[in-house]
């Protein structure tokens, strides 16, 4: 691999500009007018480039110039390089470029609540790129450093602005075909969820029914537990706001009117110490509008 610095291999930009313009316009005079240089300067800079490359790039004609074989071979590469630089400059620094807003969210909230609503966010008109990172552990939030975060809990987090998106409501659900097999759903297999959240024992106490057997199935992800419930694997104590679509579509049915309502919920948060970009504020307001 050649370790020669690029600055030693690359001809000066003004020489390449003179070459590209003269090749495109087939005239040193017209190239000079386009670049704001004299015909003599363009001719001199092209000559310097030819000396540097040790190759003649143009045939000098009585009226204008034409590329030699080497010049014709070199021209597409020079033009492509200029076009790449122009495109990158426009995309990165143009006043109308798109801004990126990052959201860190639990995968369960993303899959069941936010993703189905994303078509309602007009990213084209607002010129926003939305970057979404799914969170599996609390420490992941610090690693992402997102503009906006969705947290599950009681809302007691220092140093953040917060607004409640979904208040937690828990009630048993299962696939309709599973319920047809037995009229007493409490005899069906129970699906458990790992983690520090209200569960079956709290719901049974509220419903005033005997404790149910230990769940034969336990998941560390609500999304996976939900898929198992929809497949007919058992009864899930589901977050009702996150299974609205499944209930509406008939993929799940509620088994009781009793709802356990712990203090927890899904909160939209942002670090109040960071300056708020207009695009971030727009996404914040949009998410809040969807929670009504």
C-alpha atoms as a PDB file:
ATOM      1  CA  UNK A   1       0.000   0.000   0.000  1.00  0.00           C
ATOM      2  CA  UNK A   2       1.359   3.391  -1.035  1.00  0.00           C
ATOM      3  CA  UNK A   3       2.017   5.516   2.066  1.00  0.00           C
ATOM      4  CA  UNK A   4       2.724   8.717   0.115  1.00  0.00           C
ATOM      5  CA  UNK A   5       0.635  11.592   1.527  1.00  0.00           C
ATOM      6  CA  UNK A   6      -2.341  12.534  -0.623  1.00  0.00           C
ATOM      7  CA  UNK A   7      -1.142  16.134  -0.717  1.00  0.00           C
ATOM      8  CA  UNK A   8       1.936  14.995  -2.656  1.00  0.00           C
ATOM      9  CA  UNK A   9      -0.047  12.923  -5.173  1.00  0.00           C
ATOM     10  CA  UNK A  10      -2.896  15.314  -5.831  1.00  0.00           C
ATOM     11  CA  UNK A  11      -2.310  18.179  -8.271  1.00  0.00           C
ATOM     12  CA  UNK A  12      -3.381  21.642  -7.070  1.00  0.00           C
ATOM     13  CA  UNK A  13      -7.132  22.163  -7.310  1.00  0.00           C
ATOM     14  CA  UNK A  14      -6.815  25.289  -9.501  1.00  0.00           C
ATOM     15  CA  UNK A  15      -4.939  23.243 -12.133  1.00  0.00           C
ATOM     16  CA  UNK A  16      -7.639  20.577 -12.112  1.00  0.00           C
ATOM     17  CA  UNK A  17     -10.355  23.239 -12.354  1.00  0.00           C
ATOM     18  CA  UNK A  18      -8.618  24.754 -15.382  1.00  0.00           C
ATOM     19  CA  UNK A  19      -8.316  21.333 -17.015  1.00  0.00           C
ATOM     20  CA  UNK A  20     -11.950  20.357 -16.367  1.00  0.00           C
ATOM     21  CA  UNK A  21     -13.381  23.651 -17.626  1.00  0.00           C
ATOM     22  CA  UNK A  22     -11.152  23.709 -20.736  1.00  0.00           C
ATOM     23  CA  UNK A  23     -12.005  20.091 -21.555  1.00  0.00           C
ATOM     24  CA  UNK A  24     -15.735  20.690 -21.133  1.00  0.00           C
ATOM     25  CA  UNK A  25     -15.778  23.958 -23.098  1.00  0.00           C
ATOM     26  CA  UNK A  26     -13.011  22.974 -25.555  1.00  0.00           C
ATOM     27  CA  UNK A  27     -11.487  26.411 -25.107  1.00  0.00           C
ATOM     28  CA  UNK A  28      -8.922  28.024 -22.805  1.00  0.00           C
ATOM     29  CA  UNK A  29     -10.621  31.379 -23.407  1.00  0.00           C
ATOM     30  CA  UNK A  30     -14.095  30.183 -22.394  1.00  0.00           C
ATOM     31  CA  UNK A  31     -12.638  28.315 -19.421  1.00  0.00           C
ATOM     32  CA  UNK A  32     -10.978  31.524 -18.287  1.00  0.00           C
ATOM     33  CA  UNK A  33     -14.257  33.440 -18.567  1.00  0.00           C
ATOM     34  CA  UNK A  34     -16.073  30.796 -16.517  1.00  0.00           C
ATOM     35  CA  UNK A  35     -13.441  30.667 -13.785  1.00  0.00           C
ATOM     36  CA  UNK A  36     -12.666  34.388 -13.743  1.00  0.00           C
ATOM     37  CA  UNK A  37      -9.128  33.910 -14.993  1.00  0.00           C
ATOM     38  CA  UNK A  38      -7.332  35.041 -18.116  1.00  0.00           C
ATOM     39  CA  UNK A  39      -6.820  32.787 -21.113  1.00  0.00           C
ATOM     40  CA  UNK A  40      -3.082  32.926 -20.443  1.00  0.00           C
ATOM     41  CA  UNK A  41      -3.564  31.802 -16.834  1.00  0.00           C
ATOM     42  CA  UNK A  42      -5.693  28.838 -17.895  1.00  0.00           C
ATOM     43  CA  UNK A  43      -3.107  27.847 -20.507  1.00  0.00           C
ATOM     44  CA  UNK A  44      -0.326  28.138 -17.962  1.00  0.00           C
ATOM     45  CA  UNK A  45      -2.158  26.097 -15.305  1.00  0.00           C
ATOM     46  CA  UNK A  46      -2.946  23.355 -17.813  1.00  0.00           C
ATOM     47  CA  UNK A  47       0.723  23.294 -18.815  1.00  0.00           C
ATOM     48  CA  UNK A  48       1.742  22.987 -15.171  1.00  0.00           C
ATOM     49  CA  UNK A  49      -0.666  20.032 -14.817  1.00  0.00           C
ATOM     50  CA  UNK A  50       0.721  18.358 -17.946  1.00  0.00           C
ATOM     51  CA  UNK A  51       4.273  18.786 -16.630  1.00  0.00           C
ATOM     52  CA  UNK A  52       3.212  17.329 -13.281  1.00  0.00           C
ATOM     53  CA  UNK A  53       1.601  14.326 -14.957  1.00  0.00           C
ATOM     54  CA  UNK A  54       4.295  14.100 -17.629  1.00  0.00           C
ATOM     55  CA  UNK A  55       1.612  13.726 -20.268  1.00  0.00           C
ATOM     56  CA  UNK A  56       0.002  16.006 -22.850  1.00  0.00           C
ATOM     57  CA  UNK A  57      -3.690  16.454 -22.098  1.00  0.00           C
ATOM     58  CA  UNK A  58      -4.779  18.721 -24.981  1.00  0.00           C
ATOM     59  CA  UNK A  59      -4.096  19.201 -28.660  1.00  0.00           C
ATOM     60  CA  UNK A  60      -3.768  22.965 -29.199  1.00  0.00           C
ATOM     61  CA  UNK A  61      -5.772  23.896 -32.290  1.00  0.00           C
ATOM     62  CA  UNK A  62      -6.054  27.198 -34.184  1.00  0.00           C
ATOM     63  CA  UNK A  63      -9.526  27.562 -32.684  1.00  0.00           C
ATOM     64  CA  UNK A  64      -9.852  25.944 -29.302  1.00  0.00           C
ATOM     65  CA  UNK A  65      -8.435  22.711 -27.929  1.00  0.00           C
ATOM     66  CA  UNK A  66      -9.327  19.021 -27.916  1.00  0.00           C
ATOM     67  CA  UNK A  67      -8.441  16.265 -25.501  1.00  0.00           C
ATOM     68  CA  UNK A  68      -5.674  13.795 -26.220  1.00  0.00           C
ATOM     69  CA  UNK A  69      -6.227  10.122 -25.407  1.00  0.00           C
ATOM     70  CA  UNK A  70      -4.689  10.645 -21.960  1.00  0.00           C
ATOM     71  CA  UNK A  71      -6.777  13.767 -21.421  1.00  0.00           C
ATOM     72  CA  UNK A  72      -9.964  11.965 -22.453  1.00  0.00           C
ATOM     73  CA  UNK A  73      -9.152   9.124 -20.048  1.00  0.00           C
ATOM     74  CA  UNK A  74      -8.422  11.538 -17.193  1.00  0.00           C
ATOM     75  CA  UNK A  75     -11.448  13.798 -17.666  1.00  0.00           C
ATOM     76  CA  UNK A  76     -14.213  11.463 -16.301  1.00  0.00           C
ATOM     77  CA  UNK A  77     -12.269  10.913 -13.083  1.00  0.00           C
ATOM     78  CA  UNK A  78     -11.706  14.617 -12.505  1.00  0.00           C
ATOM     79  CA  UNK A  79     -15.346  15.445 -13.250  1.00  0.00           C
ATOM     80  CA  UNK A  80     -16.569  12.625 -10.982  1.00  0.00           C
ATOM     81  CA  UNK A  81     -14.388  13.902  -8.137  1.00  0.00           C
ATOM     82  CA  UNK A  82     -15.764  17.437  -8.522  1.00  0.00           C
ATOM     83  CA  UNK A  83     -19.339  16.144  -8.638  1.00  0.00           C
ATOM     84  CA  UNK A  84     -18.783  14.081  -5.490  1.00  0.00           C
ATOM     85  CA  UNK A  85     -17.406  17.083  -3.617  1.00  0.00           C
ATOM     86  CA  UNK A  86     -20.275  19.279  -4.832  1.00  0.00           C
ATOM     87  CA  UNK A  87     -22.884  16.698  -3.836  1.00  0.00           C
ATOM     88  CA  UNK A  88     -21.366  16.156  -0.400  1.00  0.00           C
ATOM     89  CA  UNK A  89     -21.143  19.887   0.205  1.00  0.00           C
ATOM     90  CA  UNK A  90     -24.768  20.361  -0.779  1.00  0.00           C
ATOM     91  CA  UNK A  91     -26.020  17.452   1.343  1.00  0.00           C
ATOM     92  CA  UNK A  92     -24.006  18.323   4.436  1.00  0.00           C
ATOM     93  CA  UNK A  93     -24.063  22.096   4.476  1.00  0.00           C
ATOM     94  CA  UNK A  94     -27.012  23.308   2.429  1.00  0.00           C
ATOM     95  CA  UNK A  95     -29.489  25.395   4.409  1.00  0.00           C
ATOM     96  CA  UNK A  96     -32.307  23.023   3.468  1.00  0.00           C
ATOM     97  CA  UNK A  97     -30.558  19.810   4.486  1.00  0.00           C
ATOM     98  CA  UNK A  98     -32.421  17.244   6.575  1.00  0.00           C
ATOM     99  CA  UNK A  99     -31.905  17.155  10.328  1.00  0.00           C
ATOM    100  CA  UNK A 100     -31.685  13.920  12.304  1.00  0.00           C
ATOM    101  CA  UNK A 101     -33.675  13.361  15.480  1.00  0.00           C
ATOM    102  CA  UNK A 102     -32.753  10.285  17.524  1.00  0.00           C
ATOM    103  CA  UNK A 103     -35.184   8.410  19.766  1.00  0.00           C
ATOM    104  CA  UNK A 104     -34.200   5.726  22.270  1.00  0.00           C
ATOM    105  CA  UNK A 105     -37.137   3.502  23.179  1.00  0.00           C
ATOM    106  CA  UNK A 106     -37.943   0.062  24.566  1.00  0.00           C
ATOM    107  CA  UNK A 107     -38.557  -2.359  21.710  1.00  0.00           C
ATOM    108  CA  UNK A 108     -42.034  -3.182  23.055  1.00  0.00           C
ATOM    109  CA  UNK A 109     -43.148   0.452  22.850  1.00  0.00           C
ATOM    110  CA  UNK A 110     -41.596   0.837  19.413  1.00  0.00           C
ATOM    111  CA  UNK A 111     -43.108  -2.321  17.944  1.00  0.00           C
ATOM    112  CA  UNK A 112     -46.629  -2.038  19.337  1.00  0.00           C
ATOM    113  CA  UNK A 113     -47.304   1.687  19.727  1.00  0.00           C
ATOM    114  CA  UNK A 114     -44.854   3.989  17.942  1.00  0.00           C
ATOM    115  CA  UNK A 115     -44.158   2.071  14.716  1.00  0.00           C
ATOM    116  CA  UNK A 116     -47.832   1.855  13.642  1.00  0.00           C
ATOM    117  CA  UNK A 117     -48.114   5.636  14.070  1.00  0.00           C
ATOM    118  CA  UNK A 118     -44.962   6.628  12.180  1.00  0.00           C
ATOM    119  CA  UNK A 119     -46.745   7.025   8.811  1.00  0.00           C
ATOM    120  CA  UNK A 120     -48.510  10.007  10.388  1.00  0.00           C
ATOM    121  CA  UNK A 121     -45.219  11.849  10.889  1.00  0.00           C
ATOM    122  CA  UNK A 122     -44.517  13.760   7.668  1.00  0.00           C
ATOM    123  CA  UNK A 123     -40.721  13.496   7.567  1.00  0.00           C
ATOM    124  CA  UNK A 124     -40.552  14.720   3.956  1.00  0.00           C
ATOM    125  CA  UNK A 125     -42.221  18.062   4.501  1.00  0.00           C
ATOM    126  CA  UNK A 126     -40.503  18.609   7.838  1.00  0.00           C
ATOM    127  CA  UNK A 127     -37.151  17.459   6.383  1.00  0.00           C
ATOM    128  CA  UNK A 128     -36.406  15.193   9.323  1.00  0.00           C
ATOM    129  CA  UNK A 129     -34.519  11.923   9.442  1.00  0.00           C
ATOM    130  CA  UNK A 130     -35.733   9.847  12.382  1.00  0.00           C
ATOM    131  CA  UNK A 131     -33.151   7.502  13.900  1.00  0.00           C
ATOM    132  CA  UNK A 132     -34.543   4.976  16.369  1.00  0.00           C
ATOM    133  CA  UNK A 133     -32.491   2.909  18.808  1.00  0.00           C
ATOM    134  CA  UNK A 134     -34.197   0.155  20.793  1.00  0.00           C
ATOM    135  CA  UNK A 135     -33.259  -0.205  24.431  1.00  0.00           C
ATOM    136  CA  UNK A 136     -32.910  -3.478  26.315  1.00  0.00           C
ATOM    137  CA  UNK A 137     -31.224  -2.276  29.512  1.00  0.00           C
ATOM    138  CA  UNK A 138     -31.326   1.059  31.390  1.00  0.00           C
ATOM    139  CA  UNK A 139     -27.601   1.554  30.797  1.00  0.00           C
ATOM    140  CA  UNK A 140     -28.251   1.548  27.049  1.00  0.00           C
ATOM    141  CA  UNK A 141     -29.809   5.006  27.299  1.00  0.00           C
ATOM    142  CA  UNK A 142     -26.488   6.524  28.330  1.00  0.00           C
ATOM    143  CA  UNK A 143     -24.711   4.837  25.437  1.00  0.00           C
ATOM    144  CA  UNK A 144     -27.172   6.191  22.869  1.00  0.00           C
ATOM    145  CA  UNK A 145     -27.292   9.821  24.011  1.00  0.00           C
ATOM    146  CA  UNK A 146     -30.524  10.294  22.048  1.00  0.00           C
ATOM    147  CA  UNK A 147     -32.433  13.542  21.575  1.00  0.00           C
ATOM    148  CA  UNK A 148     -35.617  11.955  22.953  1.00  0.00           C
ATOM    149  CA  UNK A 149     -36.110   8.897  25.141  1.00  0.00           C
ATOM    150  CA  UNK A 150     -39.068   6.702  26.034  1.00  0.00           C
ATOM    151  CA  UNK A 151     -38.783   5.383  29.587  1.00  0.00           C
ATOM    152  CA  UNK A 152     -40.965   2.894  31.433  1.00  0.00           C
ATOM    153  CA  UNK A 153     -41.395   3.624  35.110  1.00  0.00           C
ATOM    154  CA  UNK A 154     -42.920   6.019  37.633  1.00  0.00           C
ATOM    155  CA  UNK A 155     -41.519   9.200  36.070  1.00  0.00           C
ATOM    156  CA  UNK A 156     -39.131   9.902  38.928  1.00  0.00           C
ATOM    157  CA  UNK A 157     -35.947  10.676  36.976  1.00  0.00           C
ATOM    158  CA  UNK A 158     -33.786  13.664  37.885  1.00  0.00           C
ATOM    159  CA  UNK A 159     -32.554  16.087  35.274  1.00  0.00           C
ATOM    160  CA  UNK A 160     -35.123  15.384  32.572  1.00  0.00           C
ATOM    161  CA  UNK A 161     -38.213  17.005  31.163  1.00  0.00           C
ATOM    162  CA  UNK A 162     -40.980  14.411  30.973  1.00  0.00           C
ATOM    163  CA  UNK A 163     -44.539  13.872  29.890  1.00  0.00           C
ATOM    164  CA  UNK A 164     -46.649  10.744  30.343  1.00  0.00           C
ATOM    165  CA  UNK A 165     -47.527   9.029  27.067  1.00  0.00           C
ATOM    166  CA  UNK A 166     -49.219   5.837  28.264  1.00  0.00           C
ATOM    167  CA  UNK A 167     -50.496   5.051  31.741  1.00  0.00           C
ATOM    168  CA  UNK A 168     -50.044   1.352  32.478  1.00  0.00           C
ATOM    169  CA  UNK A 169     -53.164  -0.814  32.599  1.00  0.00           C
ATOM    170  CA  UNK A 170     -52.773  -4.584  32.992  1.00  0.00           C
ATOM    171  CA  UNK A 171     -55.369  -7.262  32.311  1.00  0.00           C
ATOM    172  CA  UNK A 172     -55.307 -10.915  31.107  1.00  0.00           C
ATOM    173  CA  UNK A 173     -55.571 -11.648  27.386  1.00  0.00           C
ATOM    174  CA  UNK A 174     -55.162 -14.695  25.196  1.00  0.00           C
ATOM    175  CA  UNK A 175     -55.699 -15.917  21.648  1.00  0.00           C
ATOM    176  CA  UNK A 176     -59.403 -16.626  20.953  1.00  0.00           C
ATOM    177  CA  UNK A 177     -58.734 -20.169  19.776  1.00  0.00           C
ATOM    178  CA  UNK A 178     -57.054 -20.962  23.102  1.00  0.00           C
ATOM    179  CA  UNK A 179     -60.095 -19.789  25.034  1.00  0.00           C
ATOM    180  CA  UNK A 180     -62.385 -22.083  23.048  1.00  0.00           C
ATOM    181  CA  UNK A 181     -60.654 -25.115  24.484  1.00  0.00           C
ATOM    182  CA  UNK A 182     -61.614 -24.424  28.091  1.00  0.00           C
ATOM    183  CA  UNK A 183     -64.299 -22.213  29.577  1.00  0.00           C
ATOM    184  CA  UNK A 184     -62.210 -21.509  32.713  1.00  0.00           C
ATOM    185  CA  UNK A 185     -59.245 -19.468  31.507  1.00  0.00           C
ATOM    186  CA  UNK A 186     -57.522 -19.655  34.913  1.00  0.00           C
ATOM    187  CA  UNK A 187     -56.761 -23.282  34.090  1.00  0.00           C
ATOM    188  CA  UNK A 188     -54.838 -22.310  30.949  1.00  0.00           C
ATOM    189  CA  UNK A 189     -51.048 -21.962  30.836  1.00  0.00           C
ATOM    190  CA  UNK A 190     -49.801 -18.617  32.148  1.00  0.00           C
ATOM    191  CA  UNK A 191     -47.139 -16.507  30.431  1.00  0.00           C
ATOM    192  CA  UNK A 192     -44.772 -14.659  32.736  1.00  0.00           C
ATOM    193  CA  UNK A 193     -42.557 -11.606  32.251  1.00  0.00           C
ATOM    194  CA  UNK A 194     -39.234 -11.094  33.957  1.00  0.00           C
ATOM    195  CA  UNK A 195     -38.328  -7.731  35.432  1.00  0.00           C
ATOM    196  CA  UNK A 196     -39.350  -5.358  38.180  1.00  0.00           C
ATOM    197  CA  UNK A 197     -42.958  -4.668  37.224  1.00  0.00           C
ATOM    198  CA  UNK A 198     -46.389  -5.517  38.558  1.00  0.00           C
ATOM    199  CA  UNK A 199     -47.449  -9.038  37.657  1.00  0.00           C
ATOM    200  CA  UNK A 200     -49.820 -11.885  38.187  1.00  0.00           C
ATOM    201  CA  UNK A 201     -49.776 -11.925  41.991  1.00  0.00           C
ATOM    202  CA  UNK A 202     -50.837  -8.269  42.201  1.00  0.00           C
ATOM    203  CA  UNK A 203     -53.551  -8.733  39.598  1.00  0.00           C
ATOM    204  CA  UNK A 204     -54.969 -11.849  41.309  1.00  0.00           C
ATOM    205  CA  UNK A 205     -55.126  -9.995  44.630  1.00  0.00           C
ATOM    206  CA  UNK A 206     -56.987  -7.115  42.966  1.00  0.00           C
ATOM    207  CA  UNK A 207     -59.378  -9.522  41.187  1.00  0.00           C
ATOM    208  CA  UNK A 208     -59.911 -11.451  44.429  1.00  0.00           C
ATOM    209  CA  UNK A 209     -59.088 -14.834  42.920  1.00  0.00           C
ATOM    210  CA  UNK A 210     -56.641 -17.469  44.215  1.00  0.00           C
ATOM    211  CA  UNK A 211     -53.040 -17.141  43.061  1.00  0.00           C
ATOM    212  CA  UNK A 212     -52.424 -18.794  39.723  1.00  0.00           C
ATOM    213  CA  UNK A 213     -49.772 -21.495  39.215  1.00  0.00           C
ATOM    214  CA  UNK A 214     -46.227 -20.449  38.399  1.00  0.00           C
ATOM    215  CA  UNK A 215     -45.947 -19.536  34.713  1.00  0.00           C
ATOM    216  CA  UNK A 216     -44.512 -22.402  32.676  1.00  0.00           C
ATOM    217  CA  UNK A 217     -43.346 -19.812  30.132  1.00  0.00           C
ATOM    218  CA  UNK A 218     -41.349 -16.725  31.098  1.00  0.00           C
ATOM    219  CA  UNK A 219     -39.911 -14.090  28.773  1.00  0.00           C
ATOM    220  CA  UNK A 220     -37.567 -11.157  29.295  1.00  0.00           C
ATOM    221  CA  UNK A 221     -39.289  -9.181  26.521  1.00  0.00           C
ATOM    222  CA  UNK A 222     -42.915  -8.073  26.308  1.00  0.00           C
ATOM    223  CA  UNK A 223     -42.778  -8.311  22.508  1.00  0.00           C
ATOM    224  CA  UNK A 224     -41.795 -11.986  22.657  1.00  0.00           C
ATOM    225  CA  UNK A 225     -44.404 -12.713  25.320  1.00  0.00           C
ATOM    226  CA  UNK A 226     -47.006 -10.992  23.161  1.00  0.00           C
ATOM    227  CA  UNK A 227     -46.075 -13.093  20.144  1.00  0.00           C
ATOM    228  CA  UNK A 228     -46.367 -16.231  22.258  1.00  0.00           C
ATOM    229  CA  UNK A 229     -49.813 -15.167  23.477  1.00  0.00           C
ATOM    230  CA  UNK A 230     -51.026 -14.409  19.954  1.00  0.00           C
ATOM    231  CA  UNK A 231     -49.767 -17.824  18.879  1.00  0.00           C
ATOM    232  CA  UNK A 232     -51.919 -19.480  21.557  1.00  0.00           C
ATOM    233  CA  UNK A 233     -49.157 -20.422  23.994  1.00  0.00           C
ATOM    234  CA  UNK A 234     -50.924 -19.113  27.062  1.00  0.00           C
ATOM    235  CA  UNK A 235     -52.560 -16.236  28.925  1.00  0.00           C
ATOM    236  CA  UNK A 236     -50.615 -12.976  29.136  1.00  0.00           C
ATOM    237  CA  UNK A 237     -51.093 -10.226  31.694  1.00  0.00           C
ATOM    238  CA  UNK A 238     -50.853  -7.621  28.987  1.00  0.00           C
ATOM    239  CA  UNK A 239     -50.263  -3.900  28.908  1.00  0.00           C
ATOM    240  CA  UNK A 240     -53.596  -2.890  27.409  1.00  0.00           C
ATOM    241  CA  UNK A 241     -52.278   0.263  25.680  1.00  0.00           C
ATOM    242  CA  UNK A 242     -49.702  -1.880  23.861  1.00  0.00           C
ATOM    243  CA  UNK A 243     -52.159  -4.557  22.691  1.00  0.00           C
ATOM    244  CA  UNK A 244     -54.917  -2.261  21.413  1.00  0.00           C
ATOM    245  CA  UNK A 245     -54.292  -3.303  17.810  1.00  0.00           C
ATOM    246  CA  UNK A 246     -54.284  -7.023  18.622  1.00  0.00           C
ATOM    247  CA  UNK A 247     -57.571  -6.685  20.529  1.00  0.00           C
ATOM    248  CA  UNK A 248     -59.133  -4.612  17.785  1.00  0.00           C
ATOM    249  CA  UNK A 249     -58.070  -7.116  15.108  1.00  0.00           C
ATOM    250  CA  UNK A 250     -59.374 -10.068  17.125  1.00  0.00           C
ATOM    251  CA  UNK A 251     -55.951 -11.675  17.523  1.00  0.00           C
ATOM    252  CA  UNK A 252     -56.372 -11.410  21.292  1.00  0.00           C
ATOM    253  CA  UNK A 253     -59.402 -11.276  23.583  1.00  0.00           C
ATOM    254  CA  UNK A 254     -59.707  -9.834  27.076  1.00  0.00           C
ATOM    255  CA  UNK A 255     -60.540 -12.314  29.805  1.00  0.00           C
ATOM    256  CA  UNK A 256     -61.548  -9.915  32.581  1.00  0.00           C
ATOM    257  CA  UNK A 257     -62.741  -6.367  33.157  1.00  0.00           C
ATOM    258  CA  UNK A 258     -60.403  -6.050  36.127  1.00  0.00           C
ATOM    259  CA  UNK A 259     -57.474  -3.754  35.369  1.00  0.00           C
ATOM    260  CA  UNK A 260     -54.365  -3.414  37.478  1.00  0.00           C
ATOM    261  CA  UNK A 261     -53.157   0.198  37.281  1.00  0.00           C
ATOM    262  CA  UNK A 262     -49.699   0.568  38.831  1.00  0.00           C
ATOM    263  CA  UNK A 263     -47.985   3.956  39.011  1.00  0.00           C
ATOM    264  CA  UNK A 264     -45.759   3.032  36.081  1.00  0.00           C
ATOM    265  CA  UNK A 265     -46.194   4.054  32.491  1.00  0.00           C
ATOM    266  CA  UNK A 266     -44.341   5.061  29.347  1.00  0.00           C
ATOM    267  CA  UNK A 267     -42.867   8.554  29.518  1.00  0.00           C
ATOM    268  CA  UNK A 268     -41.404  10.756  26.807  1.00  0.00           C
ATOM    269  CA  UNK A 269     -38.298  12.449  28.200  1.00  0.00           C
ATOM    270  CA  UNK A 270     -35.410  14.684  27.185  1.00  0.00           C
ATOM    271  CA  UNK A 271     -32.392  16.072  28.990  1.00  0.00           C
ATOM    272  CA  UNK A 272     -33.282  19.642  29.930  1.00  0.00           C
ATOM    273  CA  UNK A 273     -29.588  20.572  29.967  1.00  0.00           C
ATOM    274  CA  UNK A 274     -29.285  20.082  26.202  1.00  0.00           C
ATOM    275  CA  UNK A 275     -30.394  22.794  23.762  1.00  0.00           C
ATOM    276  CA  UNK A 276     -33.585  21.760  21.978  1.00  0.00           C
ATOM    277  CA  UNK A 277     -33.403  21.692  18.183  1.00  0.00           C
ATOM    278  CA  UNK A 278     -36.551  22.835  16.358  1.00  0.00           C
ATOM    279  CA  UNK A 279     -36.792  19.403  14.741  1.00  0.00           C
ATOM    280  CA  UNK A 280     -36.621  17.703  18.138  1.00  0.00           C
ATOM    281  CA  UNK A 281     -39.369  19.955  19.444  1.00  0.00           C
ATOM    282  CA  UNK A 282     -41.529  19.078  16.438  1.00  0.00           C
ATOM    283  CA  UNK A 283     -41.133  15.308  17.024  1.00  0.00           C
ATOM    284  CA  UNK A 284     -41.782  15.812  20.748  1.00  0.00           C
ATOM    285  CA  UNK A 285     -45.064  17.603  20.028  1.00  0.00           C
ATOM    286  CA  UNK A 286     -46.063  14.970  17.483  1.00  0.00           C
ATOM    287  CA  UNK A 287     -45.525  12.063  19.905  1.00  0.00           C
ATOM    288  CA  UNK A 288     -47.462  13.905  22.611  1.00  0.00           C
ATOM    289  CA  UNK A 289     -50.322  14.504  20.163  1.00  0.00           C
ATOM    290  CA  UNK A 290     -50.519  10.763  19.480  1.00  0.00           C
ATOM    291  CA  UNK A 291     -51.026   9.960  23.158  1.00  0.00           C
ATOM    292  CA  UNK A 292     -54.340  11.765  23.424  1.00  0.00           C
END
